[in-house]
Protein backbone atom coordinates (compact mmCIF):
# COMPACT_ATOMS: atom_id res chain seq x y z
CA MET A 1 -111.01 0.90 -73.13
CA THR A 2 -107.94 -1.22 -72.45
CA GLN A 3 -104.48 -0.55 -73.79
CA SER A 4 -104.68 -3.52 -76.19
CA SER A 5 -107.94 -2.31 -77.77
CA LYS A 6 -106.62 1.21 -78.28
CA ARG A 7 -106.32 2.26 -81.92
CA LYS A 8 -102.77 2.55 -83.23
CA THR A 9 -101.40 5.95 -84.12
CA LYS A 10 -100.10 6.66 -87.61
CA LYS A 11 -96.58 6.64 -86.17
CA GLU A 12 -97.13 3.18 -84.67
CA GLU A 13 -98.59 1.92 -87.96
CA LEU A 14 -95.62 3.37 -89.86
CA ILE A 15 -93.17 1.69 -87.48
CA GLN A 16 -94.99 -1.62 -87.93
CA LEU A 17 -94.93 -1.24 -91.72
CA LEU A 18 -91.21 -0.43 -91.77
CA SER A 19 -90.36 -3.20 -89.29
CA ARG A 20 -91.22 -5.91 -91.81
CA SER A 21 -88.16 -7.56 -93.33
CA SER A 22 -89.12 -6.25 -96.79
CA GLY A 23 -89.84 -2.72 -95.54
CA SER A 24 -91.85 -0.44 -97.80
CA ASP A 25 -91.42 2.26 -100.45
CA VAL A 26 -92.50 5.90 -100.19
CA ALA A 27 -95.37 5.57 -102.68
CA THR A 28 -96.91 2.64 -100.79
CA ILE A 29 -96.60 4.43 -97.45
CA SER A 30 -98.08 7.61 -98.92
CA ASP A 31 -101.05 5.73 -100.37
CA LYS A 32 -101.71 3.83 -97.13
CA PHE A 33 -101.83 6.99 -95.03
CA GLY A 34 -103.25 9.37 -97.64
CA ARG A 35 -100.16 11.58 -97.53
CA GLN A 36 -98.10 13.29 -100.17
CA THR A 37 -94.62 11.88 -100.75
CA HIS A 38 -92.82 14.83 -99.15
CA THR A 39 -94.90 14.33 -95.98
CA THR A 40 -93.95 10.65 -95.94
CA ARG A 41 -90.26 11.51 -96.25
CA ALA A 42 -90.67 13.97 -93.35
CA ALA A 43 -92.21 11.16 -91.28
CA LEU A 44 -89.16 8.98 -92.03
CA THR A 45 -86.92 11.82 -90.90
CA GLY A 46 -89.00 12.16 -87.74
CA LEU A 47 -88.43 8.49 -86.95
CA ARG A 48 -84.68 8.97 -87.42
CA LYS A 49 -84.72 11.96 -85.07
CA ALA A 50 -86.65 9.85 -82.54
CA GLY A 51 -83.77 7.37 -82.55
CA TYR A 52 -84.88 4.74 -85.06
CA ARG A 53 -82.35 3.51 -87.59
CA VAL A 54 -84.16 3.76 -90.94
CA LEU A 55 -82.31 2.20 -93.86
CA GLY A 56 -83.00 2.97 -97.50
CA GLU A 57 -82.21 0.12 -99.87
CA LYS A 58 -82.32 0.21 -103.66
CA PRO A 59 -83.48 -3.29 -104.77
CA ASP A 60 -83.11 -3.63 -108.57
CA GLU A 61 -82.91 -1.31 -111.53
CA GLY A 62 -86.23 0.44 -112.08
CA LYS A 63 -87.68 -0.44 -108.68
CA PRO A 64 -88.25 2.19 -105.98
CA LYS A 65 -86.04 2.50 -102.93
CA ARG A 66 -87.42 0.57 -99.97
CA TYR A 67 -87.14 1.74 -96.40
CA ARG A 68 -87.08 -0.38 -93.29
CA ILE A 69 -86.25 0.00 -89.62
CA SER A 70 -83.10 -1.90 -88.73
CA ALA A 71 -82.98 -0.83 -85.07
CA THR A 72 -85.23 0.81 -82.52
CA PRO A 73 -83.95 3.50 -80.15
CA ALA A 74 -83.27 0.93 -77.40
CA LYS A 75 -81.26 -1.29 -79.76
CA ILE A 76 -79.19 1.29 -81.64
CA GLY A 77 -76.01 0.43 -79.73
CA GLU A 78 -76.51 -3.27 -80.43
CA THR A 79 -76.57 -2.95 -84.24
CA ALA A 80 -73.25 -1.36 -85.12
CA GLY A 81 -72.27 -1.67 -88.75
CA ALA A 82 -75.58 -0.88 -90.46
CA GLU A 83 -75.55 2.36 -92.40
CA GLU A 84 -78.28 4.99 -92.52
CA THR A 85 -79.28 6.58 -95.79
CA ASP A 86 -81.05 9.77 -96.71
CA ALA A 87 -84.80 9.54 -97.30
CA ARG A 88 -84.36 10.65 -100.90
């Protein structure tokens, strides 16, 4: 089995999902991975502790907060000015 044919881990899939420009909300992430919402929030915290900058953005009234990765651990120093938010 080559590296490219290796199945992605849940963490890699989560990073890919949050790396999209639109990001994703907790309910969508929870449904995709079959997790409860508190487990999804813990996964977001785990990414932050691993050095990812995870932003929470509230789009419009009545819509859920969306999360996205604005910087990876290697690029944290390059993206000064973006603010982190709590997973709640």
